Structure formats: C-alpha cells, structure tokens
Amino acid sequence: MNGPFYRKKDFGKKLEKYVDAGVREYWIADVKNQKVIVYDLGDDFGENMDLMIYGMDGEVPVGIYDGSVR
C-alpha cells in the first residue's frame, strides 16, 4: 500500500465492492507494516465479518479452503 489513497481504496471501496459481490474472504498484503489483513466476509454478505491480522513470517489460514498459505 502506498499512502492514504490506496489505504482508503483497499479498506473502503474495494471491501464494499467485494461484500456486494458475495466474496467470502478478502486479503490485503500490507508490505510496509509486514502484515496480512484478512477479512472473513462469510456467507451473509459481510453482516458478521471477522478481521484477522497475521505477520508475513508465518502461515495464513485460508478460510474458504482447508489449508493455509505461506
């Protein structure tokens, strides 16, 4: 992410569009802060979404599959 424009776009507009489209999981790689931010949007169109934050040095569980990504 490069600056406030991208942060606003990634955490606002994109998230809203993905919820509207029925996407169940949305990942944001925040290279600057060495984090992977995962929104679990679920099957209820974001009504009860969860937010998880992981470091880039480990595995990140993939909620829509039975597994993880390194």
N, C-alpha and C. Protein backbone atom coordinates (compact mmCIF):
# COMPACT_ATOMS: atom_id res chain seq x y z
N MET A 1 0.84 -1.18 0.00
CA MET A 1 0.00 0.00 0.00
C MET A 1 0.88 1.23 0.00
N ASN A 2 0.57 2.14 -0.87
CA ASN A 2 1.34 3.36 -0.96
C ASN A 2 0.49 4.56 -0.59
N GLY A 3 0.52 4.93 0.64
CA GLY A 3 -0.14 6.14 1.07
C GLY A 3 -1.62 6.02 1.33
N PRO A 4 -2.21 7.14 1.75
CA PRO A 4 -3.61 7.15 2.18
C PRO A 4 -4.60 6.84 1.06
N PHE A 5 -4.28 7.18 -0.20
CA PHE A 5 -5.20 6.90 -1.29
C PHE A 5 -5.45 5.40 -1.41
N TYR A 6 -4.37 4.62 -1.39
CA TYR A 6 -4.51 3.17 -1.52
C TYR A 6 -5.16 2.56 -0.29
N ARG A 7 -4.82 3.05 0.88
CA ARG A 7 -5.43 2.53 2.11
C ARG A 7 -6.94 2.76 2.07
N LYS A 8 -7.34 3.96 1.67
CA LYS A 8 -8.77 4.27 1.61
C LYS A 8 -9.46 3.38 0.59
N LYS A 9 -8.80 3.17 -0.54
CA LYS A 9 -9.36 2.33 -1.60
C LYS A 9 -9.46 0.87 -1.15
N ASP A 10 -8.38 0.33 -0.57
CA ASP A 10 -8.35 -1.07 -0.15
C ASP A 10 -9.30 -1.36 1.00
N PHE A 11 -9.33 -0.47 1.99
CA PHE A 11 -10.14 -0.70 3.19
C PHE A 11 -11.56 -0.15 3.06
N GLY A 12 -11.84 0.59 2.01
CA GLY A 12 -13.16 1.18 1.83
C GLY A 12 -13.86 0.67 0.60
N LYS A 13 -13.53 1.26 -0.53
CA LYS A 13 -14.22 0.96 -1.79
C LYS A 13 -14.12 -0.51 -2.19
N LYS A 14 -12.90 -1.06 -2.18
CA LYS A 14 -12.74 -2.46 -2.60
C LYS A 14 -13.50 -3.39 -1.67
N LEU A 15 -13.37 -3.17 -0.37
CA LEU A 15 -14.05 -4.01 0.61
C LEU A 15 -15.56 -3.98 0.37
N GLU A 16 -16.09 -2.80 0.16
CA GLU A 16 -17.53 -2.65 -0.09
C GLU A 16 -17.95 -3.40 -1.36
N LYS A 17 -17.14 -3.27 -2.42
CA LYS A 17 -17.47 -3.94 -3.69
C LYS A 17 -17.40 -5.46 -3.53
N TYR A 18 -16.41 -5.95 -2.81
CA TYR A 18 -16.28 -7.38 -2.61
C TYR A 18 -17.44 -7.93 -1.78
N VAL A 19 -17.86 -7.20 -0.76
CA VAL A 19 -19.02 -7.62 0.04
C VAL A 19 -20.26 -7.69 -0.86
N ASP A 20 -20.46 -6.65 -1.66
CA ASP A 20 -21.62 -6.61 -2.57
C ASP A 20 -21.59 -7.74 -3.58
N ALA A 21 -20.39 -8.17 -3.99
CA ALA A 21 -20.25 -9.23 -4.99
C ALA A 21 -20.35 -10.63 -4.39
N GLY A 22 -20.41 -10.71 -3.06
CA GLY A 22 -20.52 -12.01 -2.42
C GLY A 22 -19.20 -12.72 -2.17
N VAL A 23 -18.09 -11.98 -2.24
CA VAL A 23 -16.78 -12.56 -1.94
C VAL A 23 -16.77 -12.95 -0.47
N ARG A 24 -16.26 -14.14 -0.18
CA ARG A 24 -16.29 -14.64 1.21
C ARG A 24 -15.05 -14.29 2.01
N GLU A 25 -13.92 -14.01 1.33
CA GLU A 25 -12.68 -13.72 2.04
C GLU A 25 -11.87 -12.70 1.23
N TYR A 26 -11.36 -11.68 1.90
CA TYR A 26 -10.60 -10.60 1.24
C TYR A 26 -9.30 -10.40 1.99
N TRP A 27 -8.19 -10.51 1.28
CA TRP A 27 -6.86 -10.36 1.87
C TRP A 27 -6.23 -9.07 1.39
N ILE A 28 -5.53 -8.39 2.31
CA ILE A 28 -4.74 -7.21 1.97
C ILE A 28 -3.32 -7.46 2.46
N ALA A 29 -2.35 -7.42 1.56
CA ALA A 29 -0.94 -7.56 1.93
C ALA A 29 -0.39 -6.17 2.20
N ASP A 30 -0.10 -5.88 3.45
CA ASP A 30 0.44 -4.59 3.87
C ASP A 30 1.96 -4.76 4.02
N VAL A 31 2.66 -4.59 2.92
CA VAL A 31 4.10 -4.83 2.88
C VAL A 31 4.84 -3.85 3.80
N LYS A 32 4.42 -2.61 3.81
CA LYS A 32 5.08 -1.59 4.63
C LYS A 32 5.11 -1.99 6.10
N ASN A 33 4.00 -2.52 6.60
CA ASN A 33 3.90 -2.90 8.01
C ASN A 33 4.08 -4.40 8.24
N GLN A 34 4.45 -5.13 7.18
CA GLN A 34 4.71 -6.57 7.26
C GLN A 34 3.54 -7.35 7.87
N LYS A 35 2.33 -7.08 7.33
CA LYS A 35 1.12 -7.74 7.82
C LYS A 35 0.29 -8.26 6.65
N VAL A 36 -0.49 -9.27 6.94
CA VAL A 36 -1.53 -9.72 6.03
C VAL A 36 -2.84 -9.56 6.79
N ILE A 37 -3.73 -8.75 6.24
CA ILE A 37 -5.01 -8.47 6.87
C ILE A 37 -6.06 -9.27 6.11
N VAL A 38 -6.80 -10.10 6.84
CA VAL A 38 -7.79 -10.98 6.23
C VAL A 38 -9.17 -10.65 6.77
N TYR A 39 -10.06 -10.30 5.86
CA TYR A 39 -11.46 -10.11 6.20
C TYR A 39 -12.20 -11.39 5.86
N ASP A 40 -12.83 -12.01 6.85
CA ASP A 40 -13.70 -13.16 6.61
C ASP A 40 -15.11 -12.60 6.49
N LEU A 41 -15.58 -12.50 5.26
CA LEU A 41 -16.87 -11.86 5.00
C LEU A 41 -18.03 -12.83 5.16
N GLY A 42 -17.74 -14.11 5.25
CA GLY A 42 -18.76 -15.12 5.48
C GLY A 42 -19.76 -15.25 4.34
N ASP A 43 -20.84 -15.91 4.64
CA ASP A 43 -21.88 -16.16 3.65
C ASP A 43 -23.06 -15.22 3.82
N ASP A 44 -22.93 -14.24 4.69
CA ASP A 44 -24.05 -13.34 4.97
C ASP A 44 -23.80 -11.92 4.46
N PHE A 45 -23.02 -11.82 3.39
CA PHE A 45 -22.74 -10.54 2.72
C PHE A 45 -22.15 -9.50 3.65
N GLY A 46 -21.23 -9.93 4.51
CA GLY A 46 -20.49 -9.00 5.35
C GLY A 46 -21.20 -8.55 6.61
N GLU A 47 -22.38 -9.10 6.89
CA GLU A 47 -23.13 -8.70 8.09
C GLU A 47 -22.35 -9.00 9.36
N ASN A 48 -21.64 -10.12 9.38
CA ASN A 48 -20.90 -10.54 10.57
C ASN A 48 -19.44 -10.80 10.23
N MET A 49 -18.80 -9.89 9.53
CA MET A 49 -17.42 -10.12 9.09
C MET A 49 -16.45 -10.11 10.26
N ASP A 50 -15.42 -10.94 10.10
CA ASP A 50 -14.33 -11.00 11.07
C ASP A 50 -13.07 -10.45 10.43
N LEU A 51 -12.19 -9.90 11.24
CA LEU A 51 -10.92 -9.34 10.77
C LEU A 51 -9.80 -10.02 11.54
N MET A 52 -8.84 -10.57 10.79
CA MET A 52 -7.68 -11.19 11.39
C MET A 52 -6.43 -10.54 10.81
N ILE A 53 -5.39 -10.39 11.63
CA ILE A 53 -4.13 -9.80 11.19
C ILE A 53 -3.01 -10.78 11.50
N TYR A 54 -2.21 -11.07 10.47
CA TYR A 54 -1.10 -12.02 10.59
C TYR A 54 0.20 -11.34 10.18
N GLY A 55 1.31 -11.85 10.69
CA GLY A 55 2.62 -11.40 10.25
C GLY A 55 2.96 -12.08 8.94
N MET A 56 3.89 -11.50 8.21
CA MET A 56 4.29 -12.08 6.92
C MET A 56 5.32 -13.19 7.07
N ASP A 57 5.68 -13.51 8.30
CA ASP A 57 6.72 -14.51 8.51
C ASP A 57 6.16 -15.89 8.83
N GLY A 58 4.86 -16.06 8.76
CA GLY A 58 4.26 -17.35 9.08
C GLY A 58 3.15 -17.72 8.11
N GLU A 59 2.42 -18.74 8.47
CA GLU A 59 1.32 -19.20 7.65
C GLU A 59 0.06 -18.37 7.92
N VAL A 60 -0.75 -18.26 6.89
CA VAL A 60 -2.03 -17.57 6.99
C VAL A 60 -3.11 -18.58 6.60
N PRO A 61 -4.04 -18.90 7.51
CA PRO A 61 -5.08 -19.86 7.18
C PRO A 61 -5.99 -19.34 6.08
N VAL A 62 -6.36 -20.22 5.20
CA VAL A 62 -7.29 -19.90 4.12
C VAL A 62 -8.67 -20.38 4.57
N GLY A 63 -9.56 -19.45 4.87
CA GLY A 63 -10.86 -19.80 5.42
C GLY A 63 -11.79 -20.48 4.45
N ILE A 64 -11.65 -20.20 3.17
CA ILE A 64 -12.59 -20.78 2.21
C ILE A 64 -12.11 -22.13 1.69
N TYR A 65 -10.91 -22.54 2.09
CA TYR A 65 -10.36 -23.86 1.76
C TYR A 65 -9.85 -24.48 3.04
N ASP A 66 -9.56 -25.76 2.99
CA ASP A 66 -8.98 -26.43 4.15
C ASP A 66 -7.46 -26.39 4.00
N GLY A 67 -6.86 -25.31 4.44
CA GLY A 67 -5.41 -25.19 4.30
C GLY A 67 -4.89 -23.83 4.70
N SER A 68 -3.65 -23.55 4.34
CA SER A 68 -3.04 -22.25 4.64
C SER A 68 -2.04 -21.91 3.54
N VAL A 69 -1.62 -20.65 3.54
CA VAL A 69 -0.66 -20.14 2.57
C VAL A 69 0.55 -19.64 3.32
N ARG A 70 1.70 -19.89 2.79
CA ARG A 70 2.95 -19.42 3.38
C ARG A 70 3.54 -18.35 2.53
